[in-house]
Amino acid sequence: MPIEIRSILLYAGAGAIGTACHFLILLSMSPFVDVVLASTLGAVVGCTINYCLARWLVFADCQPRGGSPVRFLIVASLGIAINAVVMRSLAGYLPIVLSQAIASAIVLVSGYSLNRTWTFNAKPV
């Protein structure tokens, strides 16, 4: 399998693990605390897991730039914004699940590209 495809699949897998942890925390804490607090804590844990997995598995051979955790957070925030814009643009015209699938694909590719080049300073393959 080409390195780039392997790398993006690992990146997507890391994101899935972080998202699963986010949902686990949300669902386990929401009966006991405010749902927004539970979701926020889950998001922080999920993002931290995503960063660690991306750093250690996906971009392990890269020499990250200084401040890579902050850069990762900026890229994640941009991904949230892209997701919102795409959903707002498509949800009235397409089924919600299809709209979310399109938004998620755009966020995955853009997030991978930005993190690869800007956050983790990966060299072109």
N, C-alpha and C. Protein backbone atom coordinates (compact mmCIF):
# COMPACT_ATOMS: atom_id res chain seq x y z
N MET A 1 0.85 -1.18 0.00
CA MET A 1 0.00 0.00 0.00
C MET A 1 0.90 1.24 0.00
N PRO A 2 0.62 2.21 -0.89
CA PRO A 2 1.43 3.43 -0.91
C PRO A 2 1.42 4.13 0.45
N ILE A 3 2.55 4.77 0.75
CA ILE A 3 2.72 5.41 2.05
C ILE A 3 1.63 6.44 2.32
N GLU A 4 1.27 7.24 1.34
CA GLU A 4 0.28 8.31 1.54
C GLU A 4 -1.09 7.72 1.90
N ILE A 5 -1.50 6.65 1.22
CA ILE A 5 -2.79 6.02 1.52
C ILE A 5 -2.76 5.40 2.91
N ARG A 6 -1.67 4.72 3.23
CA ARG A 6 -1.52 4.13 4.57
C ARG A 6 -1.60 5.21 5.63
N SER A 7 -0.94 6.31 5.39
CA SER A 7 -0.89 7.41 6.35
C SER A 7 -2.27 8.03 6.57
N ILE A 8 -3.02 8.26 5.50
CA ILE A 8 -4.34 8.87 5.66
C ILE A 8 -5.31 7.88 6.32
N LEU A 9 -5.16 6.58 6.05
CA LEU A 9 -6.00 5.59 6.72
C LEU A 9 -5.69 5.53 8.22
N LEU A 10 -4.42 5.60 8.57
CA LEU A 10 -4.04 5.66 10.00
C LEU A 10 -4.60 6.92 10.64
N TYR A 11 -4.54 8.03 9.93
CA TYR A 11 -5.07 9.30 10.44
C TYR A 11 -6.58 9.19 10.68
N ALA A 12 -7.29 8.59 9.73
CA ALA A 12 -8.74 8.40 9.88
C ALA A 12 -9.03 7.45 11.05
N GLY A 13 -8.23 6.42 11.20
CA GLY A 13 -8.41 5.49 12.32
C GLY A 13 -8.16 6.16 13.66
N ALA A 14 -7.13 6.99 13.72
CA ALA A 14 -6.86 7.74 14.95
C ALA A 14 -8.04 8.65 15.28
N GLY A 15 -8.58 9.30 14.27
CA GLY A 15 -9.74 10.16 14.47
C GLY A 15 -10.94 9.38 14.97
N ALA A 16 -11.13 8.17 14.45
CA ALA A 16 -12.25 7.33 14.90
C ALA A 16 -12.09 6.93 16.36
N ILE A 17 -10.87 6.63 16.77
CA ILE A 17 -10.63 6.27 18.17
C ILE A 17 -10.89 7.47 19.08
N GLY A 18 -10.39 8.64 18.69
CA GLY A 18 -10.65 9.85 19.47
C GLY A 18 -12.13 10.17 19.57
N THR A 19 -12.84 10.00 18.46
CA THR A 19 -14.28 10.26 18.44
C THR A 19 -15.02 9.26 19.32
N ALA A 20 -14.63 8.00 19.28
CA ALA A 20 -15.26 6.99 20.13
C ALA A 20 -15.06 7.32 21.61
N CYS A 21 -13.87 7.77 21.97
CA CYS A 21 -13.62 8.17 23.36
C CYS A 21 -14.46 9.38 23.74
N HIS A 22 -14.59 10.34 22.82
CA HIS A 22 -15.44 11.51 23.05
C HIS A 22 -16.86 11.06 23.37
N PHE A 23 -17.42 10.18 22.54
CA PHE A 23 -18.79 9.72 22.75
C PHE A 23 -18.92 8.89 24.02
N LEU A 24 -17.92 8.09 24.34
CA LEU A 24 -17.95 7.29 25.56
C LEU A 24 -18.03 8.19 26.80
N ILE A 25 -17.22 9.23 26.81
CA ILE A 25 -17.25 10.17 27.94
C ILE A 25 -18.58 10.91 27.97
N LEU A 26 -19.04 11.38 26.83
CA LEU A 26 -20.32 12.07 26.76
C LEU A 26 -21.44 11.20 27.32
N LEU A 27 -21.54 9.99 26.84
CA LEU A 27 -22.64 9.11 27.25
C LEU A 27 -22.53 8.64 28.69
N SER A 28 -21.31 8.43 29.17
CA SER A 28 -21.15 7.96 30.55
C SER A 28 -21.30 9.08 31.57
N MET A 29 -20.98 10.31 31.20
CA MET A 29 -21.06 11.42 32.16
C MET A 29 -22.38 12.18 32.12
N SER A 30 -23.07 12.16 30.97
CA SER A 30 -24.27 13.00 30.83
C SER A 30 -25.39 12.69 31.83
N PRO A 31 -25.52 11.47 32.36
CA PRO A 31 -26.54 11.28 33.40
C PRO A 31 -26.22 12.00 34.72
N PHE A 32 -24.96 12.39 34.88
CA PHE A 32 -24.52 12.95 36.16
C PHE A 32 -24.17 14.42 36.13
N VAL A 33 -23.81 14.93 34.95
CA VAL A 33 -23.43 16.34 34.82
C VAL A 33 -24.14 16.94 33.62
N ASP A 34 -24.07 18.24 33.49
CA ASP A 34 -24.66 18.94 32.34
C ASP A 34 -24.11 18.35 31.05
N VAL A 35 -24.97 18.16 30.07
CA VAL A 35 -24.59 17.51 28.81
C VAL A 35 -23.51 18.31 28.07
N VAL A 36 -23.56 19.63 28.16
CA VAL A 36 -22.53 20.44 27.49
C VAL A 36 -21.17 20.21 28.14
N LEU A 37 -21.15 20.13 29.47
CA LEU A 37 -19.90 19.85 30.17
C LEU A 37 -19.38 18.46 29.78
N ALA A 38 -20.27 17.48 29.75
CA ALA A 38 -19.86 16.13 29.37
C ALA A 38 -19.31 16.10 27.95
N SER A 39 -19.98 16.79 27.04
CA SER A 39 -19.52 16.83 25.65
C SER A 39 -18.19 17.56 25.53
N THR A 40 -18.04 18.65 26.26
CA THR A 40 -16.79 19.41 26.21
C THR A 40 -15.62 18.59 26.74
N LEU A 41 -15.83 17.93 27.86
CA LEU A 41 -14.76 17.09 28.41
C LEU A 41 -14.42 15.96 27.44
N GLY A 42 -15.45 15.38 26.84
CA GLY A 42 -15.21 14.34 25.84
C GLY A 42 -14.43 14.85 24.65
N ALA A 43 -14.76 16.07 24.21
CA ALA A 43 -14.06 16.66 23.07
C ALA A 43 -12.59 16.91 23.40
N VAL A 44 -12.32 17.39 24.61
CA VAL A 44 -10.93 17.64 25.02
C VAL A 44 -10.14 16.33 25.05
N VAL A 45 -10.74 15.31 25.63
CA VAL A 45 -10.06 14.01 25.69
C VAL A 45 -9.88 13.45 24.28
N GLY A 46 -10.93 13.52 23.46
CA GLY A 46 -10.85 13.03 22.09
C GLY A 46 -9.77 13.73 21.28
N CYS A 47 -9.70 15.05 21.40
CA CYS A 47 -8.69 15.82 20.68
C CYS A 47 -7.28 15.46 21.16
N THR A 48 -7.13 15.27 22.47
CA THR A 48 -5.83 14.89 23.02
C THR A 48 -5.40 13.52 22.49
N ILE A 49 -6.34 12.59 22.47
CA ILE A 49 -6.04 11.25 21.93
C ILE A 49 -5.70 11.34 20.45
N ASN A 50 -6.47 12.13 19.71
CA ASN A 50 -6.18 12.30 18.28
C ASN A 50 -4.78 12.85 18.05
N TYR A 51 -4.40 13.86 18.83
CA TYR A 51 -3.06 14.44 18.69
C TYR A 51 -1.99 13.38 18.97
N CYS A 52 -2.13 12.68 20.08
CA CYS A 52 -1.12 11.69 20.46
C CYS A 52 -0.99 10.59 19.42
N LEU A 53 -2.12 10.07 18.95
CA LEU A 53 -2.07 9.02 17.94
C LEU A 53 -1.49 9.53 16.62
N ALA A 54 -1.88 10.74 16.25
CA ALA A 54 -1.32 11.32 15.02
C ALA A 54 0.18 11.50 15.15
N ARG A 55 0.61 11.99 16.28
CA ARG A 55 2.04 12.24 16.50
C ARG A 55 2.85 10.95 16.55
N TRP A 56 2.33 9.94 17.27
CA TRP A 56 3.10 8.72 17.52
C TRP A 56 2.94 7.66 16.45
N LEU A 57 1.79 7.65 15.75
CA LEU A 57 1.56 6.60 14.75
C LEU A 57 1.62 7.10 13.32
N VAL A 58 0.92 8.18 13.06
CA VAL A 58 0.79 8.64 11.68
C VAL A 58 2.03 9.41 11.23
N PHE A 59 2.50 10.31 12.06
CA PHE A 59 3.61 11.18 11.70
C PHE A 59 4.83 10.94 12.59
N ALA A 60 5.07 9.70 12.98
CA ALA A 60 6.14 9.36 13.92
C ALA A 60 7.53 9.69 13.37
N ASP A 61 7.69 9.59 12.08
CA ASP A 61 9.02 9.82 11.49
C ASP A 61 9.26 11.29 11.14
N CYS A 62 8.33 12.15 11.50
CA CYS A 62 8.44 13.58 11.18
C CYS A 62 9.06 14.33 12.34
N GLN A 63 9.66 15.45 12.03
CA GLN A 63 10.19 16.34 13.04
C GLN A 63 9.21 17.50 13.17
N PRO A 64 8.30 17.44 14.17
CA PRO A 64 7.27 18.49 14.24
C PRO A 64 7.86 19.85 14.54
N ARG A 65 7.17 20.85 14.06
CA ARG A 65 7.55 22.23 14.36
C ARG A 65 7.24 22.51 15.82
N GLY A 66 7.86 23.55 16.36
CA GLY A 66 7.52 23.96 17.72
C GLY A 66 6.05 24.32 17.81
N GLY A 67 5.45 23.99 18.94
CA GLY A 67 4.05 24.32 19.14
C GLY A 67 3.10 23.42 18.40
N SER A 68 3.51 22.18 18.10
CA SER A 68 2.63 21.31 17.32
C SER A 68 1.29 21.03 18.01
N PRO A 69 1.20 20.93 19.34
CA PRO A 69 -0.13 20.74 19.93
C PRO A 69 -1.07 21.93 19.66
N VAL A 70 -0.52 23.14 19.70
CA VAL A 70 -1.34 24.33 19.41
C VAL A 70 -1.73 24.34 17.94
N ARG A 71 -0.82 23.99 17.08
CA ARG A 71 -1.13 23.92 15.64
C ARG A 71 -2.22 22.87 15.38
N PHE A 72 -2.12 21.73 16.06
CA PHE A 72 -3.12 20.69 15.91
C PHE A 72 -4.49 21.21 16.34
N LEU A 73 -4.54 21.94 17.45
CA LEU A 73 -5.80 22.51 17.94
C LEU A 73 -6.36 23.54 16.95
N ILE A 74 -5.52 24.32 16.35
CA ILE A 74 -5.97 25.29 15.34
C ILE A 74 -6.57 24.56 14.14
N VAL A 75 -5.91 23.50 13.69
CA VAL A 75 -6.43 22.72 12.57
C VAL A 75 -7.77 22.08 12.95
N ALA A 76 -7.86 21.54 14.17
CA ALA A 76 -9.11 20.94 14.62
C ALA A 76 -10.23 21.99 14.65
N SER A 77 -9.92 23.19 15.11
CA SER A 77 -10.92 24.27 15.14
C SER A 77 -11.35 24.66 13.73
N LEU A 78 -10.41 24.70 12.82
CA LEU A 78 -10.74 24.97 11.42
C LEU A 78 -11.64 23.87 10.86
N GLY A 79 -11.37 22.64 11.23
CA GLY A 79 -12.20 21.52 10.80
C GLY A 79 -13.64 21.66 11.29
N ILE A 80 -13.80 22.12 12.52
CA ILE A 80 -15.15 22.35 13.06
C ILE A 80 -15.86 23.42 12.25
N ALA A 81 -15.14 24.47 11.90
CA ALA A 81 -15.73 25.55 11.11
C ALA A 81 -16.10 25.07 9.70
N ILE A 82 -15.21 24.31 9.08
CA ILE A 82 -15.49 23.76 7.75
C ILE A 82 -16.73 22.87 7.81
N ASN A 83 -16.78 22.03 8.83
CA ASN A 83 -17.93 21.14 9.00
C ASN A 83 -19.23 21.95 9.09
N ALA A 84 -19.22 23.02 9.87
CA ALA A 84 -20.42 23.85 10.04
C ALA A 84 -20.84 24.49 8.72
N VAL A 85 -19.88 25.02 7.97
CA VAL A 85 -20.19 25.68 6.69
C VAL A 85 -20.76 24.67 5.69
N VAL A 86 -20.13 23.51 5.59
CA VAL A 86 -20.60 22.50 4.64
C VAL A 86 -22.00 22.01 5.05
N MET A 87 -22.20 21.76 6.33
CA MET A 87 -23.52 21.30 6.79
C MET A 87 -24.58 22.36 6.53
N ARG A 88 -24.27 23.61 6.80
CA ARG A 88 -25.23 24.69 6.56
C ARG A 88 -25.54 24.79 5.06
N SER A 89 -24.55 24.56 4.23
CA SER A 89 -24.74 24.67 2.78
C SER A 89 -25.52 23.50 2.19
N LEU A 90 -25.34 22.30 2.72
CA LEU A 90 -25.91 21.11 2.10
C LEU A 90 -27.16 20.55 2.77
N ALA A 91 -27.29 20.77 4.07
CA ALA A 91 -28.34 20.08 4.83
C ALA A 91 -29.75 20.39 4.34
N GLY A 92 -29.98 21.54 3.76
CA GLY A 92 -31.30 21.86 3.26
C GLY A 92 -31.61 21.22 1.92
N TYR A 93 -30.60 20.67 1.26
CA TYR A 93 -30.75 20.13 -0.08
C TYR A 93 -30.55 18.62 -0.16
N LEU A 94 -29.75 18.09 0.74
CA LEU A 94 -29.43 16.66 0.75
C LEU A 94 -29.85 16.06 2.08
N PRO A 95 -30.01 14.74 2.15
CA PRO A 95 -30.26 14.12 3.45
C PRO A 95 -29.13 14.44 4.43
N ILE A 96 -29.48 14.55 5.70
CA ILE A 96 -28.50 14.97 6.71
C ILE A 96 -27.30 14.02 6.76
N VAL A 97 -27.54 12.73 6.70
CA VAL A 97 -26.43 11.78 6.77
C VAL A 97 -25.49 11.95 5.58
N LEU A 98 -26.03 12.15 4.40
CA LEU A 98 -25.19 12.39 3.22
C LEU A 98 -24.43 13.70 3.36
N SER A 99 -25.11 14.73 3.85
CA SER A 99 -24.45 16.02 4.07
C SER A 99 -23.29 15.86 5.05
N GLN A 100 -23.52 15.12 6.13
CA GLN A 100 -22.46 14.92 7.13
C GLN A 100 -21.32 14.09 6.56
N ALA A 101 -21.63 13.11 5.74
CA ALA A 101 -20.59 12.29 5.12
C ALA A 101 -19.69 13.14 4.22
N ILE A 102 -20.29 14.03 3.46
CA ILE A 102 -19.52 14.93 2.60
C ILE A 102 -18.67 15.87 3.44
N ALA A 103 -19.28 16.45 4.47
CA ALA A 103 -18.54 17.35 5.36
C ALA A 103 -17.38 16.62 6.03
N SER A 104 -17.63 15.42 6.50
CA SER A 104 -16.58 14.65 7.18
C SER A 104 -15.43 14.32 6.23
N ALA A 105 -15.73 13.99 4.99
CA ALA A 105 -14.68 13.69 4.02
C ALA A 105 -13.83 14.93 3.74
N ILE A 106 -14.47 16.08 3.61
CA ILE A 106 -13.73 17.33 3.37
C ILE A 106 -12.84 17.66 4.57
N VAL A 107 -13.39 17.50 5.77
CA VAL A 107 -12.63 17.79 7.00
C VAL A 107 -11.47 16.80 7.15
N LEU A 108 -11.71 15.53 6.83
CA LEU A 108 -10.64 14.53 6.93
C LEU A 108 -9.48 14.87 6.01
N VAL A 109 -9.76 15.15 4.76
CA VAL A 109 -8.69 15.43 3.78
C VAL A 109 -7.98 16.74 4.10
N SER A 110 -8.75 17.79 4.41
CA SER A 110 -8.11 19.08 4.72
C SER A 110 -7.32 19.01 6.02
N GLY A 111 -7.88 18.35 7.04
CA GLY A 111 -7.18 18.22 8.32
C GLY A 111 -5.91 17.41 8.17
N TYR A 112 -5.98 16.32 7.42
CA TYR A 112 -4.78 15.52 7.19
C TYR A 112 -3.71 16.34 6.48
N SER A 113 -4.11 17.04 5.44
CA SER A 113 -3.14 17.83 4.66
C SER A 113 -2.49 18.90 5.51
N LEU A 114 -3.29 19.64 6.26
CA LEU A 114 -2.73 20.70 7.11
C LEU A 114 -1.86 20.14 8.23
N ASN A 115 -2.32 19.09 8.88
CA ASN A 115 -1.51 18.52 9.95
C ASN A 115 -0.23 17.90 9.41
N ARG A 116 -0.31 17.29 8.26
CA ARG A 116 0.87 16.67 7.67
C ARG A 116 1.95 17.71 7.38
N THR A 117 1.54 18.81 6.76
CA THR A 117 2.54 19.80 6.33
C THR A 117 2.84 20.86 7.38
N TRP A 118 1.83 21.35 8.07
CA TRP A 118 2.02 22.49 8.97
C TRP A 118 2.27 22.07 10.42
N THR A 119 1.49 21.12 10.92
CA THR A 119 1.63 20.71 12.32
C THR A 119 2.84 19.83 12.54
N PHE A 120 2.96 18.79 11.72
CA PHE A 120 4.00 17.78 11.94
C PHE A 120 5.17 17.87 10.97
N ASN A 121 5.13 18.81 10.02
CA ASN A 121 6.26 19.09 9.15
C ASN A 121 6.72 17.86 8.36
N ALA A 122 5.75 17.09 7.86
CA ALA A 122 6.10 15.89 7.09
C ALA A 122 6.64 16.28 5.73
N LYS A 123 7.61 15.54 5.28
CA LYS A 123 8.20 15.78 3.95
C LYS A 123 7.34 15.12 2.89
N PRO A 124 7.28 15.70 1.70
CA PRO A 124 6.51 15.06 0.62
C PRO A 124 7.03 13.66 0.32
N VAL A 125 6.08 12.76 -0.04
CA VAL A 125 6.50 11.38 -0.37
C VAL A 125 6.56 11.21 -1.87
